Amino acid sequence: MQFVSTRNPDKKVSFSKAVLDCIPSDGGLYTPAYEENLSSWILYMNENTSFTSIAGSLTSALIKEEFSPIISEAIATNAFPFEPVLNQLDDRLYHLELYHGPTGSHKDFGISYLASCLEHICIMKETEAVVITDTTGETGASIAQAFKNKKHLKAVLLYPKGSMRGLSPETFVWNGGNIYPVEVNGSIDNCIELVRQIYNDRSLVEKYGLTLANTSNIGRLLPQTFFYTFAFTRLKNRVCSDIFYALSSSNYGNLIAGLYSWKFSLPVNGFITDCTASLRVNPANMCELTDASIPLSKRGPANPAVPSNLERLESLFETSPAVMRGLVFPAEVSKDDQKAAAQKLFKDYNIKVSPQTADAYAAAVKRTEMIEEDGGVVVLISRDHPAFSADSIRQMCGEEPAMPNHIASVLKKIEPEKVIEPEKDAVVSILKELKA
């Protein structure tokens, strides 16, 4: 498979190129250059196929020009000693839990896969890669967990003042590891601006082999397509009707991954999500993108520190607007709707969910008539462990979720050993130190 920028569909690059140099020079984002018919692979799998095997098989099918089946299997095996969990709540509702990785976040899947891919690519190309990211918590912990013991990868984690948590000192560079956590004497906005400045300087990106670990990087986004194949393999022998996925809008990462899954021939009837300022429902009850009226060619470059998969979503709508309107079903969700949805899930199924998952369920409730028209089922997607939203859940349901030990360790604050001012030169000095 090849990839193109959302700003230039004519210039194709390899997967390795898109992962290592993840920011196209035209300021766009990489996206698959064409559709792939993986139906023979997907239909061959069943409920006994492990998530690791699904990931390895789909990697082999998608990146066959670059990765052999053995390499594809190795990437998946190294990335996924954990997998999602799909539970049936009733005849029409299933719950896909994406928080069973080491830090309790759905990000564990994408980051772990990216780290495994990067390590294999760097070995093949005899090079190294460095990631710089802003973080206030679980993202940093997830990167540290995925990157540890990787011989060709290093990560610089920029924390705003007083927010460093969830790290193990044995992974730090000065203790022989490959993680360089540093406190920035400022806010998260200062950290984001530092990342933007560094990655917008092409000379620094090339000199130090910089890439990204957020969903700007297609190597982080692509494994999120595996969630949907996993769910389908568990449903295919149980469900003979339409399948809809209900998910939080968030930064549109899981939504665009679901649409890529459809482009890869996954049987799916639609994606239900809550409306945002950009993804709306029109008077005909169909989705529309408000930003789409501004041509991509007239926008500034995408911010590498703040990935907006909305641009990828727009590129799909631009090429197939009628098809996209038949697959994406937004619904307006208020705070009262969110609370009612959380309470219903707790009362009817004894599960506690985050506000984002409650939004997704509330959107599905508002689309009930469409779902039930042909006896369809809904797969409700939970991204992160409910313990991260303990206060909100207590306010909505009157009871907090249990706090597992591994989540408590992610939330445990640590004192920084390195502190810098929010200046670009301070980050460049760290890169020089890592390269020395």
Protein backbone atom coordinates (compact mmCIF):
# COMPACT_ATOMS: atom_id res chain seq x y z
CA MET A 1 0.00 0.00 0.00
CA GLN A 2 1.07 3.54 -0.72
CA PHE A 3 0.08 6.78 0.97
CA VAL A 4 -0.62 10.32 -0.20
CA SER A 5 -0.98 13.69 1.47
CA THR A 6 -4.44 15.11 2.05
CA ARG A 7 -3.13 18.17 0.20
CA ASN A 8 -1.65 16.33 -2.81
CA PRO A 9 -3.19 13.02 -3.98
CA ASP A 10 -0.70 12.65 -6.82
CA LYS A 11 2.55 12.14 -4.90
CA LYS A 12 2.66 8.63 -3.41
CA VAL A 13 5.05 7.41 -0.70
CA SER A 14 5.71 4.06 0.96
CA PHE A 15 4.48 3.13 4.42
CA SER A 16 8.02 3.36 5.82
CA LYS A 17 8.41 6.85 4.40
CA ALA A 18 5.04 7.94 5.78
CA VAL A 19 5.93 6.61 9.25
CA LEU A 20 9.49 7.93 9.48
CA ASP A 21 8.82 11.30 7.84
CA CYS A 22 5.24 11.61 8.97
CA ILE A 23 4.66 15.26 8.04
CA PRO A 24 4.26 15.86 4.30
CA SER A 25 6.12 18.94 3.09
CA ASP A 26 2.85 20.40 1.78
CA GLY A 27 1.46 20.64 5.33
CA GLY A 28 -1.13 17.87 5.04
CA LEU A 29 -1.51 14.43 6.61
CA TYR A 30 -0.79 11.04 5.09
CA THR A 31 -3.76 8.90 4.14
CA PRO A 32 -4.11 5.61 2.18
CA ALA A 33 -3.74 6.27 -1.55
CA TYR A 34 -6.41 3.77 -2.57
CA GLU A 35 -8.87 1.17 -1.34
CA GLU A 36 -7.80 -2.38 -0.57
CA ASN A 37 -10.04 -5.43 -0.86
CA LEU A 38 -9.14 -7.45 2.23
CA SER A 39 -12.44 -9.33 2.35
CA SER A 40 -10.79 -12.72 1.85
CA TRP A 41 -8.56 -12.08 4.87
CA ILE A 42 -11.32 -10.65 7.05
CA LEU A 43 -13.89 -13.34 6.27
CA TYR A 44 -11.33 -16.09 6.96
CA MET A 45 -10.89 -14.94 10.56
CA ASN A 46 -13.25 -15.91 13.36
CA GLU A 47 -13.80 -15.56 17.11
CA ASN A 48 -10.81 -17.81 17.78
CA THR A 49 -8.41 -15.55 15.88
CA SER A 50 -6.34 -13.57 18.38
CA PHE A 51 -5.94 -9.82 18.09
CA THR A 52 -2.22 -10.37 17.47
CA SER A 53 -3.00 -12.65 14.52
CA ILE A 54 -5.53 -10.15 13.16
CA ALA A 55 -2.95 -7.37 13.38
CA GLY A 56 -0.22 -9.48 11.80
CA SER A 57 -2.45 -10.69 8.96
CA LEU A 58 -3.78 -7.23 8.12
CA THR A 59 -0.28 -5.75 8.28
CA SER A 60 0.91 -8.40 5.86
CA ALA A 61 -2.04 -7.75 3.54
CA LEU A 62 -1.74 -3.96 3.61
CA ILE A 63 2.06 -3.52 3.64
CA LYS A 64 2.99 -6.56 1.58
CA GLU A 65 5.35 -4.56 -0.66
CA GLU A 66 7.57 -3.73 2.32
CA PHE A 67 7.00 -6.31 5.07
CA SER A 68 7.16 -10.06 4.63
CA PRO A 69 4.56 -12.18 6.46
CA ILE A 70 7.26 -13.07 9.02
CA ILE A 71 8.11 -9.40 9.68
CA SER A 72 4.41 -8.50 9.84
CA GLU A 73 3.80 -11.22 12.42
CA ALA A 74 6.84 -10.10 14.42
CA ILE A 75 5.61 -6.49 14.47
CA ALA A 76 2.21 -7.58 15.76
CA THR A 77 3.60 -10.08 18.29
CA ASN A 78 5.95 -7.49 19.77
CA ALA A 79 3.24 -4.84 19.83
CA PHE A 80 0.32 -6.72 21.33
CA PRO A 81 0.70 -8.86 24.43
CA PHE A 82 -2.78 -7.46 25.18
CA GLU A 83 -6.04 -7.22 23.23
CA PRO A 84 -9.47 -5.56 23.29
CA VAL A 85 -12.47 -7.16 24.98
CA LEU A 86 -15.94 -7.41 23.42
CA ASN A 87 -18.86 -8.05 25.78
CA GLN A 88 -22.49 -8.65 24.84
CA LEU A 89 -24.85 -6.49 26.92
CA ASP A 90 -28.11 -7.59 25.27
CA ASP A 91 -29.44 -8.80 21.92
CA ARG A 92 -28.81 -5.44 20.28
CA LEU A 93 -25.87 -3.96 22.19
CA TYR A 94 -22.22 -4.95 22.49
CA HIS A 95 -19.43 -3.17 24.37
CA LEU A 96 -15.92 -2.98 22.90
CA GLU A 97 -13.38 -2.13 25.60
CA LEU A 98 -10.12 -0.67 24.32
CA TYR A 99 -8.54 -0.04 27.71
CA HIS A 100 -6.90 -3.37 28.45
CA GLY A 101 -3.38 -2.26 27.57
CA PRO A 102 -0.65 -1.50 30.12
CA THR A 103 -1.75 2.09 30.83
CA GLY A 104 -5.53 1.66 30.46
CA SER A 105 -5.81 3.86 27.38
CA HIS A 106 -6.83 3.02 23.81
CA LYS A 107 -3.63 4.86 22.85
CA ASP A 108 -1.66 1.81 24.01
CA PHE A 109 -2.68 -0.03 20.84
CA GLY A 110 -1.60 2.65 18.39
CA ILE A 111 1.56 3.65 20.22
CA SER A 112 2.70 0.06 20.81
CA TYR A 113 2.16 -0.81 17.15
CA LEU A 114 3.97 2.34 16.03
CA ALA A 115 6.93 1.57 18.29
CA SER A 116 7.18 -1.98 16.96
CA CYS A 117 6.90 -0.78 13.34
CA LEU A 118 9.46 1.96 13.86
CA GLU A 119 11.93 -0.43 15.44
CA HIS A 120 11.67 -2.85 12.51
CA ILE A 121 11.87 -0.06 9.93
CA CYS A 122 14.92 1.44 11.63
CA ILE A 123 16.64 -1.95 11.73
CA MET A 124 15.99 -2.49 8.02
CA LYS A 125 17.15 1.02 7.11
CA GLU A 126 20.01 1.08 9.64
CA THR A 127 18.83 4.31 11.20
CA GLU A 128 17.30 5.66 14.42
CA ALA A 129 14.17 7.65 15.22
CA VAL A 130 13.33 10.17 17.93
CA VAL A 131 9.85 11.18 19.08
CA ILE A 132 9.09 14.43 20.88
CA THR A 133 5.66 14.83 22.41
CA ASP A 134 3.78 17.06 24.80
CA THR A 135 1.87 15.21 27.51
CA THR A 136 0.21 15.61 30.87
CA GLY A 137 -0.04 11.96 31.79
CA GLU A 138 -1.17 8.72 30.19
CA THR A 139 0.20 9.47 26.71
CA GLY A 140 3.68 9.84 28.15
CA ALA A 141 3.27 6.68 30.19
CA SER A 142 2.04 4.80 27.12
CA ILE A 143 5.01 5.96 25.02
CA ALA A 144 7.46 5.09 27.78
CA GLN A 145 5.93 1.63 28.09
CA ALA A 146 5.93 0.98 24.32
CA PHE A 147 9.38 2.43 23.62
CA LYS A 148 11.29 0.88 26.50
CA ASN A 149 14.07 -1.51 25.46
CA LYS A 150 13.81 -0.42 21.81
CA LYS A 151 17.41 -0.09 20.61
CA HIS A 152 16.72 2.30 17.72
CA LEU A 153 14.12 4.59 19.33
CA LYS A 154 14.20 7.45 21.81
CA ALA A 155 11.40 9.60 23.20
CA VAL A 156 11.51 13.11 24.65
CA LEU A 157 8.44 13.75 26.81
CA LEU A 158 7.57 17.39 27.56
CA TYR A 159 5.44 17.83 30.69
CA PRO A 160 3.97 21.13 31.87
CA LYS A 161 4.96 22.16 35.37
CA GLY A 162 3.76 19.80 38.09
CA SER A 163 2.21 17.16 35.81
CA MET A 164 4.86 14.44 35.41
CA ARG A 165 3.45 11.05 36.34
CA GLY A 166 3.28 7.38 35.51
CA LEU A 167 6.95 6.80 34.63
CA SER A 168 9.57 4.28 35.76
CA PRO A 169 13.04 5.77 36.41
CA GLU A 170 14.81 2.71 34.96
CA THR A 171 13.56 3.76 31.50
CA PHE A 172 15.23 7.20 31.70
CA VAL A 173 18.19 8.00 29.44
CA TRP A 174 20.47 8.90 32.35
CA ASN A 175 19.73 5.48 33.89
CA GLY A 176 20.56 3.59 30.70
CA GLY A 177 17.10 3.72 29.12
CA ASN A 178 15.77 5.57 26.09
CA ILE A 179 13.11 7.88 27.59
CA TYR A 180 13.97 11.53 28.30
CA PRO A 181 11.19 13.07 30.44
CA VAL A 182 11.53 16.78 31.13
CA GLU A 183 9.38 19.34 32.92
CA VAL A 184 8.76 22.55 31.01
CA ASN A 185 8.49 25.60 33.23
CA GLY A 186 5.12 26.56 31.81
CA SER A 187 1.72 25.26 30.67
CA ILE A 188 0.62 22.53 28.29
CA ASP A 189 0.18 25.24 25.68
CA ASN A 190 3.87 26.04 26.04
CA CYS A 191 4.70 22.37 25.49
CA ILE A 192 2.47 22.18 22.43
CA GLU A 193 4.09 25.28 20.97
CA LEU A 194 7.56 23.80 21.51
CA VAL A 195 6.58 20.65 19.61
CA ARG A 196 5.12 22.76 16.81
CA GLN A 197 8.27 24.85 16.50
CA ILE A 198 10.58 21.84 16.47
CA TYR A 199 8.65 19.85 13.86
CA ASN A 200 8.09 22.87 11.62
CA ASP A 201 11.88 23.20 11.35
CA ARG A 202 12.63 20.69 8.59
CA SER A 203 16.38 20.91 9.22
CA LEU A 204 15.88 19.62 12.77
CA VAL A 205 13.48 16.88 11.65
CA GLU A 206 16.03 15.58 9.14
CA LYS A 207 19.13 16.02 11.29
CA TYR A 208 17.76 14.19 14.33
CA GLY A 209 15.41 11.69 12.63
CA LEU A 210 12.30 13.12 14.25
CA THR A 211 8.89 11.54 13.86
CA LEU A 212 5.63 11.79 15.79
CA ALA A 213 3.79 9.39 18.09
CA ASN A 214 0.37 11.05 17.83
CA THR A 215 -2.21 10.28 15.16
CA SER A 216 -0.60 12.72 12.75
CA ASN A 217 1.55 9.65 12.12
CA ILE A 218 -0.29 7.13 9.94
CA GLY A 219 1.66 4.38 11.73
CA ARG A 220 -0.13 5.31 14.94
CA LEU A 221 -3.55 5.59 13.25
CA LEU A 222 -3.50 2.47 11.06
CA PRO A 223 -3.65 -0.08 13.94
CA GLN A 224 -6.88 1.53 15.13
CA THR A 225 -8.49 -0.08 12.07
CA PHE A 226 -7.76 -3.45 13.67
CA PHE A 227 -10.34 -2.76 16.42
CA TYR A 228 -13.19 -3.07 13.96
CA THR A 229 -11.96 -6.28 12.37
CA PHE A 230 -11.52 -7.75 15.87
CA ALA A 231 -15.12 -6.87 16.77
CA PHE A 232 -16.43 -8.25 13.46
CA THR A 233 -14.69 -11.60 13.96
CA ARG A 234 -16.50 -11.95 17.28
CA LEU A 235 -19.85 -10.93 15.79
CA LYS A 236 -19.90 -12.66 12.39
CA ASN A 237 -21.33 -15.94 13.67
CA ARG A 238 -23.74 -14.27 16.10
CA VAL A 239 -25.21 -11.40 14.09
CA CYS A 240 -27.06 -11.66 10.79
CA SER A 241 -28.16 -8.02 10.62
CA ASP A 242 -26.67 -4.54 10.27
CA ILE A 243 -23.68 -3.60 12.43
CA PHE A 244 -23.23 -0.03 13.65
CA TYR A 245 -20.37 1.31 15.75
CA ALA A 246 -21.09 4.05 18.31
CA LEU A 247 -18.02 6.06 19.27
CA SER A 248 -17.00 9.38 20.74
CA SER A 249 -16.04 12.06 18.20
CA SER A 250 -12.85 12.98 20.12
CA ASN A 251 -10.22 14.04 17.55
CA TYR A 252 -11.93 11.83 14.93
CA GLY A 253 -9.10 9.26 15.11
CA ASN A 254 -11.27 6.20 15.76
CA LEU A 255 -13.89 7.46 13.31
CA ILE A 256 -11.43 7.86 10.44
CA ALA A 257 -9.89 4.47 11.33
CA GLY A 258 -13.33 2.93 11.11
CA LEU A 259 -13.87 4.48 7.70
CA TYR A 260 -10.49 3.15 6.55
CA SER A 261 -11.66 -0.28 7.74
CA TRP A 262 -14.69 0.10 5.50
CA LYS A 263 -12.38 1.06 2.61
CA PHE A 264 -10.49 -2.16 3.34
CA SER A 265 -13.78 -4.10 2.82
CA LEU A 266 -14.87 -4.60 6.43
CA PRO A 267 -18.63 -5.30 6.55
CA VAL A 268 -20.12 -2.32 8.42
CA ASN A 269 -23.33 -0.33 8.09
CA GLY A 270 -22.37 2.90 9.79
CA PHE A 271 -20.61 4.89 12.48
CA ILE A 272 -22.67 6.83 15.02
CA THR A 273 -21.05 9.69 16.89
CA ASP A 274 -21.81 12.90 18.77
CA CYS A 275 -21.86 16.18 16.88
CA THR A 276 -19.02 18.67 17.13
CA ALA A 277 -18.55 22.21 15.87
CA SER A 278 -17.21 20.75 12.61
CA LEU A 279 -19.19 17.52 12.22
CA ARG A 280 -22.87 18.37 12.25
CA VAL A 281 -26.25 16.98 11.27
CA ASN A 282 -28.17 18.92 8.60
CA PRO A 283 -31.96 19.46 8.39
CA ALA A 284 -32.24 16.21 6.42
CA ASN A 285 -30.67 14.39 9.40
CA MET A 286 -27.50 13.66 7.40
CA CYS A 287 -23.94 14.55 8.34
CA GLU A 288 -22.11 17.57 7.04
CA LEU A 289 -18.65 19.02 7.61
CA THR A 290 -18.65 22.74 8.26
CA ASP A 291 -14.91 23.18 7.64
CA ALA A 292 -15.14 21.55 4.22
CA SER A 293 -16.14 24.87 2.63
CA ILE A 294 -12.55 26.07 3.04
CA PRO A 295 -10.29 24.36 0.46
CA LEU A 296 -7.36 22.50 1.98
CA SER A 297 -5.03 24.29 -0.44
CA LYS A 298 -5.89 27.62 1.19
CA ARG A 299 -5.18 26.53 4.77
CA GLY A 300 -2.00 26.72 6.75
CA PRO A 301 -0.05 23.53 7.50
CA ALA A 302 -1.53 21.03 9.95
CA ASN A 303 -0.22 21.46 13.49
CA PRO A 304 2.03 18.44 14.19
CA ALA A 305 1.46 18.79 17.93
CA VAL A 306 -2.34 18.80 17.73
CA PRO A 307 -3.47 16.14 15.26
CA SER A 308 -6.84 16.85 13.72
CA ASN A 309 -8.08 13.85 11.82
CA LEU A 310 -10.86 16.09 10.62
CA GLU A 311 -8.67 16.84 7.60
CA ARG A 312 -8.47 13.14 6.79
CA LEU A 313 -12.23 12.93 7.22
CA GLU A 314 -12.68 15.85 4.84
CA SER A 315 -10.50 14.19 2.21
CA LEU A 316 -12.77 11.13 2.28
CA PHE A 317 -15.90 13.27 2.05
CA GLU A 318 -14.40 15.20 -0.84
CA THR A 319 -13.93 12.06 -2.94
CA SER A 320 -17.13 10.23 -1.90
CA PRO A 321 -19.62 12.64 -0.28
CA ALA A 322 -22.73 10.50 -0.86
CA VAL A 323 -21.05 7.35 0.44
CA MET A 324 -19.75 9.12 3.55
CA ARG A 325 -23.19 10.52 4.32
CA GLY A 326 -24.46 6.97 4.18
CA LEU A 327 -21.86 5.79 6.70
CA VAL A 328 -21.45 8.57 9.29
CA PHE A 329 -24.43 9.42 11.46
CA PRO A 330 -23.91 12.26 13.96
CA ALA A 331 -26.43 13.19 16.64
CA GLU A 332 -26.69 16.22 18.90
CA VAL A 333 -25.85 15.23 22.48
CA SER A 334 -26.37 17.54 25.44
CA LYS A 335 -24.96 17.25 28.95
CA ASP A 336 -28.34 15.96 30.11
CA ASP A 337 -28.28 13.35 27.34
CA GLN A 338 -24.80 12.31 28.42
CA LYS A 339 -25.83 11.91 32.05
CA ALA A 340 -28.98 9.96 31.16
CA ALA A 341 -26.97 7.63 28.93
CA ALA A 342 -24.38 6.97 31.65
CA GLN A 343 -27.11 6.27 34.19
CA LYS A 344 -28.96 3.91 31.83
CA LEU A 345 -25.79 1.90 31.14
CA PHE A 346 -25.14 1.67 34.88
CA LYS A 347 -28.72 0.75 35.78
CA ASP A 348 -29.43 -1.68 32.93
CA TYR A 349 -26.02 -3.31 32.46
CA ASN A 350 -24.06 -2.44 35.60
CA ILE A 351 -21.22 -0.81 33.67
CA LYS A 352 -19.64 2.55 34.41
CA VAL A 353 -18.42 4.52 31.41
CA SER A 354 -16.54 7.74 30.77
CA PRO A 355 -18.40 10.87 29.65
CA GLN A 356 -17.07 10.29 26.12
CA THR A 357 -18.52 6.77 25.99
CA ALA A 358 -21.77 8.12 27.42
CA ASP A 359 -21.86 10.63 24.55
CA ALA A 360 -21.48 7.79 22.05
CA TYR A 361 -24.30 5.79 23.65
CA ALA A 362 -26.54 8.86 23.81
CA ALA A 363 -25.95 9.40 20.08
CA ALA A 364 -26.88 5.76 19.40
CA VAL A 365 -30.08 6.16 21.42
CA LYS A 366 -31.03 9.10 19.22
CA ARG A 367 -30.44 6.95 16.14
CA THR A 368 -32.48 3.99 17.47
CA GLU A 369 -35.09 4.14 14.70
CA MET A 370 -32.45 3.84 11.99
CA ILE A 371 -30.64 1.00 13.79
CA GLU A 372 -33.77 -1.04 14.44
CA GLU A 373 -35.14 -0.62 10.91
CA ASP A 374 -33.43 -3.85 9.83
CA GLY A 375 -32.83 -5.33 13.27
CA GLY A 376 -29.32 -3.89 13.59
CA VAL A 377 -26.89 -4.14 16.48
CA VAL A 378 -24.65 -1.50 18.02
CA VAL A 379 -21.06 -1.90 19.15
CA LEU A 380 -20.40 0.76 21.79
CA ILE A 381 -16.72 1.68 21.92
CA SER A 382 -15.05 2.62 25.21
CA ARG A 383 -11.65 4.18 24.63
CA ASP A 384 -10.18 4.60 28.11
CA HIS A 385 -10.54 2.93 31.48
CA PRO A 386 -13.42 4.48 33.47
CA ALA A 387 -11.08 5.03 36.43
CA PHE A 388 -9.61 8.01 34.56
CA SER A 389 -13.07 9.63 34.79
CA ALA A 390 -13.83 8.67 38.38
CA ASP A 391 -15.08 12.11 39.47
CA SER A 392 -17.37 12.53 36.46
CA ILE A 393 -18.77 9.01 36.84
CA ARG A 394 -19.47 9.58 40.52
CA GLN A 395 -21.39 12.76 39.66
CA MET A 396 -23.39 10.99 36.93
CA CYS A 397 -24.01 7.63 38.60
CA GLY A 398 -23.37 8.18 42.28
CA GLU A 399 -20.62 5.57 42.42
CA GLU A 400 -16.97 5.56 41.38
CA PRO A 401 -15.37 2.79 39.31
CA ALA A 402 -12.72 0.64 40.93
CA MET A 403 -9.14 1.83 40.57
CA PRO A 404 -6.86 -0.99 39.30
CA ASN A 405 -3.26 -0.92 40.45
CA HIS A 406 -1.85 -0.33 36.97
CA ILE A 407 -4.08 2.74 36.51
CA ALA A 408 -3.09 4.05 39.93
CA SER A 409 0.56 3.78 38.91
CA VAL A 410 -0.13 5.79 35.73
CA LEU A 411 -1.73 8.52 37.85
CA LYS A 412 1.07 8.59 40.43
CA LYS A 413 3.01 11.84 40.26
CA ILE A 414 6.80 11.86 40.20
CA GLU A 415 9.29 14.64 40.72
CA PRO A 416 11.13 15.78 37.58
CA GLU A 417 14.88 15.36 37.37
CA LYS A 418 15.24 17.67 34.37
CA VAL A 419 13.58 21.08 34.02
CA ILE A 420 13.79 23.48 31.07
CA GLU A 421 12.37 26.84 30.12
CA PRO A 422 9.76 26.88 27.33
CA GLU A 423 12.33 27.70 24.67
CA LYS A 424 13.10 25.90 21.42
CA ASP A 425 16.85 25.99 22.04
CA ALA A 426 16.36 24.03 25.28
CA VAL A 427 14.74 21.16 23.37
CA VAL A 428 17.43 21.31 20.68
CA SER A 429 20.04 20.93 23.43
CA ILE A 430 18.31 17.71 24.51
CA LEU A 431 18.42 16.41 20.93
CA LYS A 432 22.14 17.18 20.74
CA GLU A 433 22.65 15.32 24.00
CA LEU A 434 20.80 12.27 22.68
CA LYS A 435 22.79 12.28 19.47
CA ALA A 436 26.17 12.64 21.18
